[in-house]
Amino acid sequence: MMAIVVGLGLSAMPAVTAAQDGQIQCNVTENGAPSNGTVAVEHNGRTVASGSCNRALSVPAGKSKVTLRLEGLLDNPAQTIEVVVAAGKTTPVTADFKTAVLEVRIEAKGQRGTGLVAVEKDGKRLGTLGSGVAARLSAGAYEVVVKLGGQEQRHAVDLRPGQRRVVRAQF
């Protein structure tokens, strides 16, 4: 009986390569002016890249969800955009965030007071501020809850893009 050995020649076969990557370059603006932001890229249901928007990120080619965030806002806004990244190409992704500045000043008996200031949206607390401390927020409607010595005041506030709004709470 004769044995025949057939070599598969695996080394001669072309290597299977992963799909070539592309890049995402994000640009974040605040009321149209350049600003600092972060990016997270999700591809096929998993996060494949994240970082700051000051450099391009390598990502797999194909459809991805890109979430851009503006840094330094109390409400931590995000915009998610679906993009198709081409192999070997850079895909620009841009988001403009409309923001305003809110400051709450507390006065008690004509003097500057200190108390707790909570900023809420849709019944959910976004964060707290001290009296006289300015915070950047996305433009929109908020409720400002001011507490001082067992007393409470509620103020409905509508912030427009680029606005600086001062709320005075007098006790």
N, C-alpha and C. Protein backbone atom coordinates (compact mmCIF):
# COMPACT_ATOMS: atom_id res chain seq x y z
N MET A 1 0.81 -1.17 0.00
CA MET A 1 0.00 0.00 0.00
C MET A 1 0.86 1.24 0.00
N MET A 2 0.43 2.18 -0.70
CA MET A 2 1.23 3.37 -0.86
C MET A 2 0.51 4.55 -0.21
N ALA A 3 1.21 5.34 0.57
CA ALA A 3 0.63 6.51 1.22
C ALA A 3 0.94 7.74 0.40
N ILE A 4 -0.07 8.52 0.20
CA ILE A 4 0.13 9.76 -0.54
C ILE A 4 -0.01 10.91 0.45
N VAL A 5 0.98 11.74 0.51
CA VAL A 5 0.97 12.89 1.40
C VAL A 5 0.81 14.14 0.53
N VAL A 6 -0.21 14.89 0.85
CA VAL A 6 -0.45 16.11 0.09
C VAL A 6 -0.15 17.29 1.01
N GLY A 7 0.73 18.13 0.61
CA GLY A 7 1.05 19.35 1.38
C GLY A 7 0.04 20.43 1.04
N LEU A 8 -0.47 21.07 2.07
CA LEU A 8 -1.45 22.11 1.86
C LEU A 8 -0.83 23.44 1.46
N GLY A 9 0.43 23.56 1.66
CA GLY A 9 1.11 24.79 1.24
C GLY A 9 0.54 26.03 1.92
N LEU A 10 0.28 25.92 3.21
CA LEU A 10 -0.31 27.04 3.93
C LEU A 10 0.51 28.31 3.83
N SER A 11 1.80 28.18 3.79
CA SER A 11 2.63 29.38 3.75
C SER A 11 2.49 30.09 2.41
N ALA A 12 2.08 29.38 1.38
CA ALA A 12 1.93 29.99 0.08
C ALA A 12 0.57 30.66 -0.09
N MET A 13 -0.39 30.35 0.81
CA MET A 13 -1.72 30.94 0.68
C MET A 13 -1.69 32.38 1.18
N PRO A 14 -2.49 33.23 0.59
CA PRO A 14 -2.50 34.62 1.07
C PRO A 14 -3.06 34.68 2.49
N ALA A 15 -2.47 35.52 3.28
CA ALA A 15 -2.91 35.67 4.67
C ALA A 15 -4.27 36.34 4.69
N VAL A 16 -5.12 35.92 5.64
CA VAL A 16 -6.41 36.55 5.80
C VAL A 16 -6.18 37.83 6.60
N THR A 17 -6.62 38.95 6.06
CA THR A 17 -6.37 40.21 6.74
C THR A 17 -7.68 40.80 7.23
N ALA A 18 -7.59 41.48 8.34
CA ALA A 18 -8.76 42.18 8.87
C ALA A 18 -9.08 43.35 7.95
N ALA A 19 -10.31 43.79 7.99
CA ALA A 19 -10.69 44.93 7.16
C ALA A 19 -9.79 46.11 7.50
N GLN A 20 -9.40 46.84 6.50
CA GLN A 20 -8.53 47.98 6.70
C GLN A 20 -9.26 49.05 7.51
N ASP A 21 -8.52 49.75 8.35
CA ASP A 21 -9.09 50.79 9.18
C ASP A 21 -9.19 52.11 8.43
N GLY A 22 -10.02 52.98 8.96
CA GLY A 22 -10.10 54.36 8.53
C GLY A 22 -9.88 55.22 9.75
N GLN A 23 -10.15 56.50 9.65
CA GLN A 23 -9.97 57.39 10.79
C GLN A 23 -11.19 58.30 10.95
N ILE A 24 -11.40 58.71 12.19
CA ILE A 24 -12.42 59.70 12.49
C ILE A 24 -11.72 60.90 13.11
N GLN A 25 -12.02 62.07 12.56
CA GLN A 25 -11.49 63.32 13.10
C GLN A 25 -12.67 64.14 13.57
N CYS A 26 -12.75 64.38 14.88
CA CYS A 26 -13.91 65.13 15.38
C CYS A 26 -13.57 66.59 15.60
N ASN A 27 -14.62 67.40 15.51
CA ASN A 27 -14.51 68.83 15.71
C ASN A 27 -15.72 69.26 16.54
N VAL A 28 -15.47 69.85 17.71
CA VAL A 28 -16.54 70.28 18.59
C VAL A 28 -16.49 71.79 18.70
N THR A 29 -17.68 72.40 18.53
CA THR A 29 -17.79 73.84 18.70
C THR A 29 -18.88 74.15 19.72
N GLU A 30 -18.74 75.32 20.34
CA GLU A 30 -19.71 75.79 21.32
C GLU A 30 -20.24 77.13 20.83
N ASN A 31 -21.52 77.16 20.48
CA ASN A 31 -22.12 78.37 19.88
C ASN A 31 -21.31 78.85 18.68
N GLY A 32 -20.80 77.89 17.90
CA GLY A 32 -20.06 78.20 16.68
C GLY A 32 -18.58 78.44 16.85
N ALA A 33 -18.09 78.56 18.08
CA ALA A 33 -16.67 78.81 18.34
C ALA A 33 -15.97 77.50 18.71
N PRO A 34 -14.70 77.32 18.29
CA PRO A 34 -13.98 76.10 18.63
C PRO A 34 -13.96 75.85 20.14
N SER A 35 -14.10 74.58 20.53
CA SER A 35 -14.11 74.23 21.94
C SER A 35 -13.49 72.86 22.14
N ASN A 36 -13.37 72.44 23.39
CA ASN A 36 -12.79 71.14 23.72
C ASN A 36 -13.88 70.10 23.87
N GLY A 37 -13.62 68.93 23.31
CA GLY A 37 -14.59 67.85 23.40
C GLY A 37 -13.93 66.50 23.40
N THR A 38 -14.74 65.49 23.63
CA THR A 38 -14.26 64.11 23.59
C THR A 38 -15.12 63.33 22.61
N VAL A 39 -14.59 62.18 22.21
CA VAL A 39 -15.27 61.34 21.24
C VAL A 39 -15.20 59.89 21.70
N ALA A 40 -16.27 59.14 21.44
CA ALA A 40 -16.30 57.69 21.65
C ALA A 40 -16.92 57.08 20.40
N VAL A 41 -16.30 56.03 19.88
CA VAL A 41 -16.76 55.40 18.65
C VAL A 41 -17.19 53.97 18.94
N GLU A 42 -18.42 53.66 18.54
CA GLU A 42 -18.98 52.32 18.73
C GLU A 42 -19.15 51.68 17.35
N HIS A 43 -18.62 50.47 17.21
CA HIS A 43 -18.69 49.73 15.95
C HIS A 43 -19.17 48.32 16.26
N ASN A 44 -20.24 47.90 15.61
CA ASN A 44 -20.84 46.58 15.86
C ASN A 44 -21.16 46.35 17.33
N GLY A 45 -21.65 47.40 18.01
CA GLY A 45 -22.10 47.26 19.39
C GLY A 45 -21.04 47.34 20.45
N ARG A 46 -19.79 47.61 20.07
CA ARG A 46 -18.75 47.74 21.11
C ARG A 46 -17.91 48.99 20.85
N THR A 47 -17.40 49.57 21.94
CA THR A 47 -16.57 50.75 21.82
C THR A 47 -15.20 50.35 21.27
N VAL A 48 -14.81 50.99 20.16
CA VAL A 48 -13.54 50.64 19.51
C VAL A 48 -12.49 51.73 19.63
N ALA A 49 -12.91 52.95 20.00
CA ALA A 49 -11.95 54.04 20.16
C ALA A 49 -12.60 55.15 20.98
N SER A 50 -11.75 55.87 21.70
CA SER A 50 -12.23 57.05 22.42
C SER A 50 -11.03 57.95 22.72
N GLY A 51 -11.32 59.20 22.97
CA GLY A 51 -10.24 60.14 23.27
C GLY A 51 -10.71 61.57 23.12
N SER A 52 -9.76 62.48 23.05
CA SER A 52 -10.11 63.88 22.88
C SER A 52 -10.16 64.21 21.39
N CYS A 53 -10.83 65.29 21.09
CA CYS A 53 -11.04 65.67 19.68
C CYS A 53 -9.84 66.40 19.07
N ASN A 54 -8.71 66.34 19.68
CA ASN A 54 -7.56 67.04 19.12
C ASN A 54 -6.68 66.15 18.24
N ARG A 55 -7.12 64.92 17.99
CA ARG A 55 -6.35 64.04 17.11
C ARG A 55 -7.29 63.04 16.45
N ALA A 56 -6.86 62.52 15.31
CA ALA A 56 -7.66 61.52 14.59
C ALA A 56 -7.56 60.17 15.30
N LEU A 57 -8.67 59.43 15.27
CA LEU A 57 -8.72 58.10 15.88
C LEU A 57 -8.84 57.04 14.80
N SER A 58 -8.07 55.99 14.93
CA SER A 58 -8.16 54.86 14.00
C SER A 58 -9.33 53.98 14.41
N VAL A 59 -10.21 53.68 13.43
CA VAL A 59 -11.40 52.86 13.68
C VAL A 59 -11.60 51.90 12.52
N PRO A 60 -12.33 50.80 12.76
CA PRO A 60 -12.61 49.87 11.66
C PRO A 60 -13.47 50.54 10.59
N ALA A 61 -13.23 50.16 9.34
CA ALA A 61 -14.05 50.67 8.25
C ALA A 61 -15.47 50.14 8.41
N GLY A 62 -16.43 50.92 7.95
CA GLY A 62 -17.83 50.52 8.02
C GLY A 62 -18.64 51.51 8.83
N LYS A 63 -19.86 51.10 9.17
CA LYS A 63 -20.79 51.97 9.90
C LYS A 63 -20.43 52.01 11.38
N SER A 64 -20.41 53.21 11.93
CA SER A 64 -20.11 53.41 13.35
C SER A 64 -21.02 54.48 13.93
N LYS A 65 -21.22 54.40 15.26
CA LYS A 65 -21.90 55.46 16.01
C LYS A 65 -20.82 56.27 16.69
N VAL A 66 -20.84 57.57 16.48
CA VAL A 66 -19.84 58.46 17.06
C VAL A 66 -20.55 59.39 18.04
N THR A 67 -20.11 59.37 19.30
CA THR A 67 -20.69 60.23 20.32
C THR A 67 -19.67 61.30 20.68
N LEU A 68 -20.07 62.56 20.48
CA LEU A 68 -19.23 63.70 20.80
C LEU A 68 -19.79 64.36 22.06
N ARG A 69 -18.90 64.75 22.97
CA ARG A 69 -19.28 65.43 24.21
C ARG A 69 -18.50 66.73 24.31
N LEU A 70 -19.18 67.75 24.82
CA LEU A 70 -18.55 69.03 25.09
C LEU A 70 -18.06 69.01 26.53
N GLU A 71 -16.80 69.34 26.74
CA GLU A 71 -16.23 69.29 28.08
C GLU A 71 -16.62 70.51 28.91
N GLY A 72 -16.78 70.29 30.22
CA GLY A 72 -16.93 71.37 31.17
C GLY A 72 -18.34 71.87 31.40
N LEU A 73 -19.37 71.17 30.92
CA LEU A 73 -20.74 71.61 31.14
C LEU A 73 -21.38 70.81 32.26
N LEU A 74 -22.21 71.47 33.03
CA LEU A 74 -22.86 70.83 34.17
C LEU A 74 -23.77 69.68 33.73
N ASP A 75 -24.42 69.85 32.59
CA ASP A 75 -25.36 68.82 32.13
C ASP A 75 -24.74 67.74 31.24
N ASN A 76 -23.45 67.82 30.97
CA ASN A 76 -22.70 66.79 30.22
C ASN A 76 -23.37 66.42 28.89
N PRO A 77 -23.58 67.40 28.01
CA PRO A 77 -24.30 67.11 26.77
C PRO A 77 -23.51 66.23 25.80
N ALA A 78 -24.26 65.49 25.00
CA ALA A 78 -23.65 64.61 24.00
C ALA A 78 -24.48 64.65 22.73
N GLN A 79 -23.83 64.46 21.60
CA GLN A 79 -24.51 64.30 20.32
C GLN A 79 -23.97 63.03 19.69
N THR A 80 -24.88 62.16 19.25
CA THR A 80 -24.47 60.90 18.61
C THR A 80 -24.84 60.96 17.14
N ILE A 81 -23.87 60.62 16.30
CA ILE A 81 -24.00 60.69 14.85
C ILE A 81 -23.58 59.36 14.26
N GLU A 82 -24.36 58.83 13.32
CA GLU A 82 -23.96 57.62 12.61
C GLU A 82 -23.17 58.03 11.37
N VAL A 83 -22.03 57.37 11.17
CA VAL A 83 -21.19 57.66 10.01
C VAL A 83 -20.75 56.35 9.36
N VAL A 84 -20.33 56.46 8.12
CA VAL A 84 -19.71 55.33 7.43
C VAL A 84 -18.27 55.73 7.17
N VAL A 85 -17.35 54.95 7.73
CA VAL A 85 -15.92 55.21 7.61
C VAL A 85 -15.38 54.36 6.47
N ALA A 86 -14.71 54.99 5.51
CA ALA A 86 -14.11 54.28 4.40
C ALA A 86 -12.68 53.87 4.76
N ALA A 87 -12.30 52.69 4.32
CA ALA A 87 -10.94 52.19 4.58
C ALA A 87 -9.92 53.16 4.00
N GLY A 88 -8.93 53.50 4.82
CA GLY A 88 -7.85 54.37 4.37
C GLY A 88 -8.22 55.84 4.28
N LYS A 89 -9.42 56.22 4.69
CA LYS A 89 -9.88 57.60 4.60
C LYS A 89 -10.15 58.18 5.99
N THR A 90 -10.13 59.51 6.08
CA THR A 90 -10.47 60.20 7.31
C THR A 90 -11.86 60.79 7.16
N THR A 91 -12.73 60.46 8.11
CA THR A 91 -14.11 60.95 8.10
C THR A 91 -14.24 62.04 9.15
N PRO A 92 -14.59 63.27 8.73
CA PRO A 92 -14.79 64.34 9.71
C PRO A 92 -16.16 64.21 10.36
N VAL A 93 -16.22 64.44 11.67
CA VAL A 93 -17.47 64.43 12.42
C VAL A 93 -17.49 65.72 13.25
N THR A 94 -18.57 66.50 13.08
CA THR A 94 -18.66 67.80 13.73
C THR A 94 -19.95 67.92 14.53
N ALA A 95 -19.86 68.55 15.69
CA ALA A 95 -21.05 68.84 16.50
C ALA A 95 -20.91 70.24 17.08
N ASP A 96 -21.98 71.02 16.98
CA ASP A 96 -22.02 72.34 17.58
C ASP A 96 -23.01 72.28 18.75
N PHE A 97 -22.55 72.66 19.91
CA PHE A 97 -23.38 72.65 21.10
C PHE A 97 -23.82 74.08 21.41
N LYS A 98 -25.12 74.25 21.62
CA LYS A 98 -25.68 75.56 21.98
C LYS A 98 -25.69 75.65 23.49
N THR A 99 -24.97 76.63 24.03
CA THR A 99 -24.80 76.71 25.48
C THR A 99 -25.08 78.12 26.00
N ALA A 100 -25.20 78.19 27.32
CA ALA A 100 -25.39 79.46 28.03
C ALA A 100 -24.70 79.36 29.39
N VAL A 101 -24.61 80.48 30.07
CA VAL A 101 -24.00 80.51 31.41
C VAL A 101 -25.08 80.91 32.41
N LEU A 102 -25.13 80.16 33.51
CA LEU A 102 -26.08 80.42 34.58
C LEU A 102 -25.30 80.70 35.87
N GLU A 103 -25.71 81.78 36.54
CA GLU A 103 -25.14 82.10 37.85
C GLU A 103 -26.30 82.39 38.79
N VAL A 104 -26.23 81.86 40.00
CA VAL A 104 -27.26 82.10 41.00
C VAL A 104 -26.61 82.84 42.16
N ARG A 105 -27.22 83.97 42.54
CA ARG A 105 -26.71 84.75 43.66
C ARG A 105 -27.75 84.71 44.78
N ILE A 106 -27.30 84.32 45.96
CA ILE A 106 -28.19 84.21 47.12
C ILE A 106 -27.96 85.41 48.03
N GLU A 107 -29.07 86.02 48.44
CA GLU A 107 -29.00 87.12 49.39
C GLU A 107 -29.93 86.83 50.56
N ALA A 108 -29.44 87.08 51.75
CA ALA A 108 -30.24 86.90 52.97
C ALA A 108 -30.21 88.20 53.75
N LYS A 109 -31.37 88.81 53.90
CA LYS A 109 -31.49 90.08 54.62
C LYS A 109 -30.56 91.14 54.05
N GLY A 110 -30.49 91.22 52.73
CA GLY A 110 -29.68 92.23 52.06
C GLY A 110 -28.19 91.92 51.98
N GLN A 111 -27.76 90.83 52.59
CA GLN A 111 -26.34 90.45 52.56
C GLN A 111 -26.16 89.22 51.67
N ARG A 112 -24.97 89.11 51.16
CA ARG A 112 -24.66 87.93 50.36
C ARG A 112 -24.75 86.68 51.23
N GLY A 113 -25.46 85.68 50.75
CA GLY A 113 -25.64 84.46 51.53
C GLY A 113 -25.05 83.25 50.83
N THR A 114 -24.90 82.21 51.62
CA THR A 114 -24.43 80.94 51.05
C THR A 114 -25.51 79.90 51.28
N GLY A 115 -25.76 79.11 50.30
CA GLY A 115 -26.79 78.08 50.40
C GLY A 115 -26.54 77.04 49.32
N LEU A 116 -27.49 76.16 49.18
CA LEU A 116 -27.38 75.10 48.20
C LEU A 116 -28.22 75.45 46.98
N VAL A 117 -27.60 75.35 45.80
CA VAL A 117 -28.29 75.61 44.55
C VAL A 117 -28.25 74.33 43.72
N ALA A 118 -29.42 73.78 43.43
CA ALA A 118 -29.50 72.58 42.59
C ALA A 118 -30.09 72.97 41.25
N VAL A 119 -29.52 72.43 40.19
CA VAL A 119 -30.03 72.66 38.84
C VAL A 119 -30.68 71.37 38.37
N GLU A 120 -31.96 71.49 37.98
CA GLU A 120 -32.73 70.31 37.57
C GLU A 120 -33.28 70.49 36.16
N LYS A 121 -33.44 69.36 35.47
CA LYS A 121 -34.08 69.35 34.16
C LYS A 121 -34.98 68.13 34.11
N ASP A 122 -36.23 68.35 33.75
CA ASP A 122 -37.21 67.26 33.68
C ASP A 122 -37.28 66.47 34.98
N GLY A 123 -37.19 67.18 36.12
CA GLY A 123 -37.30 66.54 37.43
C GLY A 123 -36.06 65.80 37.88
N LYS A 124 -34.99 65.86 37.13
CA LYS A 124 -33.76 65.15 37.47
C LYS A 124 -32.66 66.16 37.81
N ARG A 125 -31.98 65.93 38.94
CA ARG A 125 -30.91 66.83 39.36
C ARG A 125 -29.68 66.61 38.48
N LEU A 126 -29.19 67.73 37.89
CA LEU A 126 -27.99 67.67 37.06
C LEU A 126 -26.72 67.95 37.85
N GLY A 127 -26.86 68.78 38.88
CA GLY A 127 -25.70 69.14 39.68
C GLY A 127 -26.03 70.26 40.63
N THR A 128 -25.04 70.65 41.40
CA THR A 128 -25.22 71.72 42.38
C THR A 128 -24.17 72.80 42.16
N LEU A 129 -24.51 74.00 42.62
CA LEU A 129 -23.62 75.15 42.51
C LEU A 129 -23.57 75.86 43.84
N GLY A 130 -22.54 76.64 44.03
CA GLY A 130 -22.49 77.55 45.15
C GLY A 130 -22.98 78.92 44.72
N SER A 131 -23.38 79.73 45.66
CA SER A 131 -23.84 81.09 45.35
C SER A 131 -22.72 81.86 44.67
N GLY A 132 -23.05 82.50 43.55
CA GLY A 132 -22.06 83.31 42.83
C GLY A 132 -21.15 82.52 41.91
N VAL A 133 -21.35 81.21 41.82
CA VAL A 133 -20.51 80.37 40.96
C VAL A 133 -21.24 80.18 39.63
N ALA A 134 -20.59 80.53 38.55
CA ALA A 134 -21.20 80.40 37.22
C ALA A 134 -21.00 78.98 36.69
N ALA A 135 -22.01 78.49 35.97
CA ALA A 135 -21.92 77.17 35.35
C ALA A 135 -22.36 77.27 33.90
N ARG A 136 -21.69 76.52 33.05
CA ARG A 136 -22.10 76.42 31.65
C ARG A 136 -23.07 75.26 31.52
N LEU A 137 -24.16 75.50 30.78
CA LEU A 137 -25.19 74.50 30.55
C LEU A 137 -25.62 74.55 29.09
N SER A 138 -26.21 73.48 28.63
CA SER A 138 -26.83 73.50 27.31
C SER A 138 -28.00 74.47 27.34
N ALA A 139 -28.25 75.13 26.23
CA ALA A 139 -29.41 76.01 26.14
C ALA A 139 -30.66 75.16 26.37
N GLY A 140 -31.65 75.74 27.05
CA GLY A 140 -32.88 75.00 27.31
C GLY A 140 -33.53 75.45 28.61
N ALA A 141 -34.56 74.71 29.00
CA ALA A 141 -35.34 75.04 30.20
C ALA A 141 -34.85 74.23 31.40
N TYR A 142 -34.70 74.92 32.52
CA TYR A 142 -34.23 74.30 33.76
C TYR A 142 -35.06 74.81 34.92
N GLU A 143 -34.97 74.08 36.02
CA GLU A 143 -35.52 74.56 37.28
C GLU A 143 -34.34 74.69 38.24
N VAL A 144 -34.24 75.87 38.87
CA VAL A 144 -33.17 76.13 39.82
C VAL A 144 -33.81 76.12 41.21
N VAL A 145 -33.30 75.23 42.07
CA VAL A 145 -33.83 75.09 43.42
C VAL A 145 -32.78 75.65 44.38
N VAL A 146 -33.17 76.70 45.13
CA VAL A 146 -32.25 77.36 46.05
C VAL A 146 -32.73 77.10 47.47
N LYS A 147 -31.82 76.58 48.31
CA LYS A 147 -32.16 76.30 49.71
C LYS A 147 -31.22 77.09 50.62
N LEU A 148 -31.85 77.73 51.62
CA LEU A 148 -31.07 78.48 52.60
C LEU A 148 -31.80 78.42 53.93
N GLY A 149 -31.14 77.87 54.94
CA GLY A 149 -31.69 77.84 56.29
C GLY A 149 -33.08 77.25 56.40
N GLY A 150 -33.34 76.16 55.74
CA GLY A 150 -34.64 75.51 55.82
C GLY A 150 -35.68 76.09 54.88
N GLN A 151 -35.37 77.17 54.20
CA GLN A 151 -36.28 77.76 53.21
C GLN A 151 -35.87 77.32 51.81
N GLU A 152 -36.84 77.33 50.90
CA GLU A 152 -36.57 76.89 49.53
C GLU A 152 -37.27 77.81 48.54
N GLN A 153 -36.58 78.11 47.46
CA GLN A 153 -37.16 78.85 46.34
C GLN A 153 -36.92 78.06 45.06
N ARG A 154 -37.90 78.10 44.16
CA ARG A 154 -37.76 77.45 42.86
C ARG A 154 -37.89 78.51 41.77
N HIS A 155 -36.99 78.46 40.81
CA HIS A 155 -36.99 79.42 39.72
C HIS A 155 -36.96 78.67 38.39
N ALA A 156 -37.94 78.95 37.52
CA ALA A 156 -37.92 78.39 36.17
C ALA A 156 -37.00 79.29 35.34
N VAL A 157 -36.05 78.66 34.65
CA VAL A 157 -35.06 79.41 33.89
C VAL A 157 -35.00 78.85 32.47
N ASP A 158 -35.10 79.74 31.49
CA ASP A 158 -34.96 79.34 30.10
C ASP A 158 -33.69 79.99 29.57
N LEU A 159 -32.71 79.18 29.23
CA LEU A 159 -31.42 79.69 28.75
C LEU A 159 -31.36 79.63 27.24
N ARG A 160 -30.98 80.76 26.63
CA ARG A 160 -30.81 80.83 25.18
C ARG A 160 -29.33 80.73 24.83
N PRO A 161 -29.01 80.25 23.63
CA PRO A 161 -27.61 80.13 23.22
C PRO A 161 -26.86 81.45 23.37
N GLY A 162 -25.70 81.39 24.00
CA GLY A 162 -24.84 82.55 24.18
C GLY A 162 -25.24 83.46 25.34
N GLN A 163 -26.34 83.18 26.00
CA GLN A 163 -26.83 84.03 27.08
C GLN A 163 -26.04 83.80 28.37
N ARG A 164 -25.89 84.89 29.14
CA ARG A 164 -25.38 84.79 30.52
C ARG A 164 -26.53 85.26 31.40
N ARG A 165 -27.02 84.37 32.23
CA ARG A 165 -28.21 84.65 33.04
C ARG A 165 -27.84 84.61 34.51
N VAL A 166 -28.26 85.65 35.24
CA VAL A 166 -28.05 85.70 36.69
C VAL A 166 -29.42 85.61 37.35
N VAL A 167 -29.57 84.64 38.25
CA VAL A 167 -30.80 84.46 39.02
C VAL A 167 -30.49 84.93 40.44
N ARG A 168 -31.33 85.82 40.95
CA ARG A 168 -31.15 86.32 42.31
C ARG A 168 -32.20 85.69 43.21
N ALA A 169 -31.74 85.01 44.24
CA ALA A 169 -32.63 84.40 45.22
C ALA A 169 -32.51 85.21 46.50
N GLN A 170 -33.59 85.86 46.88
CA GLN A 170 -33.56 86.72 48.06
C GLN A 170 -34.41 86.09 49.16
N PHE A 171 -33.80 85.91 50.30
CA PHE A 171 -34.48 85.31 51.47
C PHE A 171 -34.63 86.36 52.54
